[in-house]
Amino acid sequence: MNAPELVFVGIDVSKDTLELALDDHSPTRRMSNDVTGIAPLGEELLRLV
């Protein structure tokens, strides 16, 4: 049986923006800290599971 792959996610939260880091090799993604930014963030995180 194989162990599940671990994924570490970093989210920097500020009043106006969210910054998503998935690993050390990819650029971070910045989105607005409101409904229009949080929805794509949720979709991005769901792709990881």
Protein backbone atom coordinates (compact mmCIF):
# COMPACT_ATOMS: atom_id res chain seq x y z
CA MET A 1 0.00 0.00 0.00
CA ASN A 2 1.37 3.41 -0.96
CA ALA A 3 1.31 6.29 1.47
CA PRO A 4 -0.71 9.31 0.31
CA GLU A 5 1.29 12.14 -1.21
CA LEU A 6 1.62 15.07 1.17
CA VAL A 7 0.95 18.53 -0.17
CA PHE A 8 1.91 21.59 1.82
CA VAL A 9 0.11 24.82 1.01
CA GLY A 10 0.96 28.27 2.27
CA ILE A 11 -1.61 31.06 2.23
CA ASP A 12 -0.54 34.57 3.18
CA VAL A 13 -3.63 36.48 4.26
CA SER A 14 -3.87 40.24 4.28
CA LYS A 15 -6.82 42.60 4.36
CA ASP A 16 -6.96 42.98 0.57
CA THR A 17 -5.16 39.94 -0.88
CA LEU A 18 -4.48 36.24 -0.50
CA GLU A 19 -1.19 34.80 -1.75
CA LEU A 20 -1.05 31.06 -2.44
CA ALA A 21 2.22 29.09 -2.46
CA LEU A 22 2.11 25.42 -3.45
CA ASP A 23 5.83 24.62 -3.50
CA ASP A 24 9.27 26.20 -3.63
CA HIS A 25 9.51 25.91 -7.43
CA SER A 26 6.28 27.55 -8.59
CA PRO A 27 5.48 31.24 -8.48
CA THR A 28 2.95 32.31 -5.89
CA ARG A 29 -0.57 33.23 -6.99
CA ARG A 30 -2.15 36.39 -5.68
CA MET A 31 -5.91 36.90 -5.54
CA SER A 32 -8.24 39.37 -3.92
CA ASN A 33 -9.45 38.66 -0.40
CA ASP A 34 -13.13 38.76 -1.32
CA VAL A 35 -15.67 36.45 -2.97
CA THR A 36 -14.12 36.85 -6.43
CA GLY A 37 -10.71 35.79 -5.12
CA ILE A 38 -11.74 33.16 -2.59
CA ALA A 39 -13.81 31.12 -5.08
CA PRO A 40 -10.81 30.41 -7.39
CA LEU A 41 -8.67 29.69 -4.33
CA GLY A 42 -11.14 27.00 -3.24
CA GLU A 43 -11.15 25.49 -6.73
CA GLU A 44 -7.35 25.43 -6.77
CA LEU A 45 -7.22 23.67 -3.40
CA LEU A 46 -9.83 21.10 -4.44
CA ARG A 47 -7.66 20.11 -7.41
CA LEU A 48 -4.97 19.04 -4.94
CA VAL A 49 -7.08 16.36 -3.24
